[in-house]
């Protein structure tokens, strides 16, 4: 039995079926039901029982053999947190399949930066590879096995540091394969290895050296991105921004790490609400994006080169960084400056 490149996906909440026109065919059928996932999952939760329930139900369909759950503690200045955090944690008691559940429940609130980074540290102290899902990242049914397949396929290839589930372009068939490579890597549903996470430093201790020598310009596509990253990394380094994910992107950049992006979107962020920590605007075009499913007989690229066109779209549309000058000119100018100094 053959299967189309994109398969039907039925949302367990809304009952809506999305279907795309078949473009490529494979010999192996898509297999969704009665899955028992070998790859461990880290589930990051906090105080949103409604979104946590929907993502948990998706995890439940995958039946992972090991489930790690990390929860930050309630904020003392917000009385409603205590009840919401308790309701959220109680959902995890509903694991009814053969599964080892490990928990890291914080009594006090650590904040986004410390709570999430330390939770992922804890995860990769216990596993060699795994999937990371936050409480507002609802995956399509093929997301889990897609991650599992690619974690195994690139297990020993240090050029790849992350497997992403989100494709902000919805569909991108620039290479004609099941996925493509990128210098960027969104963290709304992703997977990685201990070998890659070891480069993560929440404090970005090397940033002053990178900044002083303007090395950050070397991994930027144009001068506007360089300005953007200078501003963001300064704020993260000084702790003006309480977050963990910019540091992960920084670690990949300075180690030439590639991310894998699926040719279709596999993650819907359902957390664009007023009670969110960062994604508060429900009007965002990236709120509640439709998801599709990949045929799990993956068509692997025969080369490992980032898709520059897709990266530029990501930079312009998702990050909101528009080119204002000649990026090639900027790089040549920077190289000339270095040559004169040497």
Foldseek 3Di string as FASTA:
>chain_A
DKDFQWDWFAQPVPRDIDDDDGDDIDDDFFDQAPAEFAFEEEEEEEQAQVLLLSQVVLVLRNNYQEYEYEYFAAAPVDVSRNVRRVNNVVSVVPNDHNHHYHYHYHNHGPFALPRVLVSVVVVQVPDFKHKYAYSQKHFTRQLRLLQVVVCVVCVPPQQAFKEAQFQPVQADCPPVFQKAKALDHDRNIMMGGSVNCVLFDQLPVCVVVCVVLVVVLVQDQAPLVSVVLVVVVVCSNVVVDGHRVVRSSVSCSVVNHMYIYGRGHGIARQPCDCPDPPNPDPPDPRHRDDGIHGRSVTGDDPDHDGDVVSNQCCCCPVVVGDHDDDSVVVVVVSVVVVVVVD
